């Protein structure tokens, strides 16, 4: 579980409490209360990662409803990072991956679990220690 002020480290999975979203600033987790909305805001996280890490970001968008993720993936692309999206056909909820593909912000579209055959994907110029 992500806690305020946690240092972001490579090869770790961070997730917020159900009532919160989070961003990354200066290499640390910033917890943002969701303020009554039901669904998490992945765009907020992707945009903060693009600002903080630029071309070293690899953003992965999986199953979900609505168009959530499209703006954040666009920010990652504009910063020079990589964007990976689950195939809509393989997604339990295909709307988010489909919207990313339709918006042209998916650099790669693969079934979940097939990204680089189990190895963590790396952005251009990132060492394994820098990959998030």
Protein backbone atom coordinates (compact mmCIF):
# COMPACT_ATOMS: atom_id res chain seq x y z
CA UNK A 1 0.00 0.00 0.00
CA UNK A 2 1.34 3.44 -0.94
CA UNK A 3 1.91 5.73 2.01
CA UNK A 4 2.55 9.48 1.86
CA UNK A 5 6.24 10.18 1.45
CA UNK A 6 7.24 6.66 0.42
CA UNK A 7 10.28 6.77 -1.83
CA UNK A 8 9.49 5.39 -5.28
CA UNK A 9 11.72 2.40 -6.04
CA UNK A 10 12.19 0.35 -9.18
CA UNK A 11 10.47 -3.02 -9.56
CA UNK A 12 7.85 -2.29 -6.91
CA UNK A 13 4.08 -2.18 -7.19
CA UNK A 14 2.35 0.73 -5.46
CA UNK A 15 -1.37 1.02 -4.92
CA UNK A 16 -3.48 3.51 -2.97
CA UNK A 17 -6.11 2.94 -0.31
CA UNK A 18 -9.59 2.64 -1.77
CA UNK A 19 -10.38 6.22 -0.72
CA UNK A 20 -7.24 7.78 -2.26
CA UNK A 21 -5.36 8.40 -5.48
CA UNK A 22 -1.68 9.16 -5.63
CA UNK A 23 0.88 11.08 -7.60
CA UNK A 24 4.66 11.03 -7.72
CA UNK A 25 6.69 14.17 -7.03
CA UNK A 26 10.41 14.45 -6.31
CA UNK A 27 10.66 10.66 -6.23
CA UNK A 28 8.08 10.26 -3.47
CA UNK A 29 4.44 9.19 -3.21
CA UNK A 30 1.95 12.01 -2.72
CA UNK A 31 -1.42 10.71 -1.53
CA UNK A 32 -4.43 12.65 -2.81
CA UNK A 33 -7.85 12.03 -1.23
CA UNK A 34 -10.35 11.14 -3.94
CA UNK A 35 -12.96 13.55 -2.59
CA UNK A 36 -16.06 11.40 -2.92
CA UNK A 37 -15.52 10.00 -6.41
CA UNK A 38 -15.86 6.25 -6.70
CA UNK A 39 -13.21 5.36 -9.28
CA UNK A 40 -9.45 5.88 -9.13
CA UNK A 41 -7.80 8.47 -11.37
CA UNK A 42 -5.02 6.78 -13.31
CA UNK A 43 -4.61 9.91 -15.46
CA UNK A 44 -3.43 11.82 -12.38
CA UNK A 45 -0.74 9.20 -11.71
CA UNK A 46 0.40 8.92 -15.34
CA UNK A 47 0.65 12.74 -15.70
CA UNK A 48 2.70 13.02 -12.52
CA UNK A 49 5.03 10.24 -13.69
CA UNK A 50 5.47 11.98 -17.05
CA UNK A 51 6.41 15.22 -15.26
CA UNK A 52 8.76 13.49 -12.82
CA UNK A 53 10.48 10.92 -15.06
CA UNK A 54 9.86 11.90 -18.70
CA UNK A 55 11.26 9.40 -21.16
CA UNK A 56 12.02 6.89 -18.39
CA UNK A 57 8.31 6.13 -17.81
CA UNK A 58 6.61 2.95 -18.99
CA UNK A 59 2.86 3.34 -18.43
CA UNK A 60 0.71 0.19 -18.57
CA UNK A 61 -3.07 0.47 -18.95
CA UNK A 62 -5.14 -2.61 -18.24
CA UNK A 63 -8.84 -3.42 -18.03
CA UNK A 64 -11.30 -0.71 -17.01
CA UNK A 65 -14.43 1.25 -17.80
CA UNK A 66 -14.76 4.60 -19.56
CA UNK A 67 -11.96 6.63 -21.13
CA UNK A 68 -9.81 6.81 -18.01
CA UNK A 69 -6.11 6.65 -18.83
CA UNK A 70 -6.19 8.27 -22.27
CA UNK A 71 -5.04 11.72 -21.12
CA UNK A 72 -2.37 10.26 -18.85
CA UNK A 73 -0.99 8.01 -21.59
CA UNK A 74 -0.87 11.02 -23.91
CA UNK A 75 1.18 12.91 -21.31
CA UNK A 76 3.59 9.97 -21.04
CA UNK A 77 3.99 9.82 -24.82
CA UNK A 78 4.55 13.58 -25.06
CA UNK A 79 7.26 13.26 -22.39
CA UNK A 80 8.98 10.55 -24.47
CA UNK A 81 7.93 7.55 -22.37
CA UNK A 82 6.42 4.23 -23.52
CA UNK A 83 2.77 3.24 -23.32
CA UNK A 84 1.54 -0.34 -23.20
CA UNK A 85 -2.13 -1.26 -23.34
CA UNK A 86 -3.92 -4.57 -22.79
CA UNK A 87 -5.79 -5.87 -25.83
CA UNK A 88 -9.49 -5.01 -25.48
CA UNK A 89 -10.37 -8.61 -26.37
CA UNK A 90 -8.35 -9.92 -23.42
CA UNK A 91 -9.58 -7.30 -20.95
CA UNK A 92 -12.34 -8.08 -18.48
CA UNK A 93 -13.61 -4.52 -19.04
CA UNK A 94 -12.44 -3.45 -22.52
CA UNK A 95 -13.51 0.22 -22.57
CA UNK A 96 -10.27 1.79 -21.27
CA UNK A 97 -7.93 -0.21 -23.52
CA UNK A 98 -10.22 0.36 -26.51
CA UNK A 99 -10.37 4.12 -25.84
CA UNK A 100 -6.56 4.27 -25.63
CA UNK A 101 -6.24 2.51 -28.97
CA UNK A 102 -8.84 4.74 -30.62
CA UNK A 103 -7.09 7.85 -29.27
CA UNK A 104 -3.74 6.69 -30.69
CA UNK A 105 -1.95 6.69 -27.34
CA UNK A 106 -1.13 2.95 -27.24
CA UNK A 107 2.42 2.32 -28.48
CA UNK A 108 2.00 -1.43 -27.94
CA UNK A 109 -1.19 -3.46 -27.51
CA UNK A 110 -0.65 -6.90 -25.98
CA UNK A 111 -2.59 -9.40 -23.87
CA UNK A 112 -1.94 -8.93 -20.14
CA UNK A 113 1.07 -10.94 -19.02
CA UNK A 114 2.69 -10.86 -22.48
CA UNK A 115 4.55 -7.59 -22.16
CA UNK A 116 8.20 -8.48 -22.86
CA UNK A 117 7.58 -12.13 -21.87
CA UNK A 118 7.42 -11.53 -18.15
CA UNK A 119 10.30 -9.07 -17.93
CA UNK A 120 9.62 -5.55 -16.74
CA UNK A 121 9.48 -3.24 -19.78
CA UNK A 122 12.00 -0.41 -19.88
CA UNK A 123 11.70 3.01 -21.38
CA UNK A 124 14.39 4.29 -23.71
CA UNK A 125 17.56 5.17 -21.84
CA UNK A 126 16.46 3.67 -18.51
CA UNK A 127 18.62 1.23 -16.62
CA UNK A 128 16.90 -1.64 -14.77
CA UNK A 129 17.27 0.33 -11.54
CA UNK A 130 15.47 3.29 -13.11
CA UNK A 131 12.55 1.33 -14.54
CA UNK A 132 9.38 1.90 -12.53
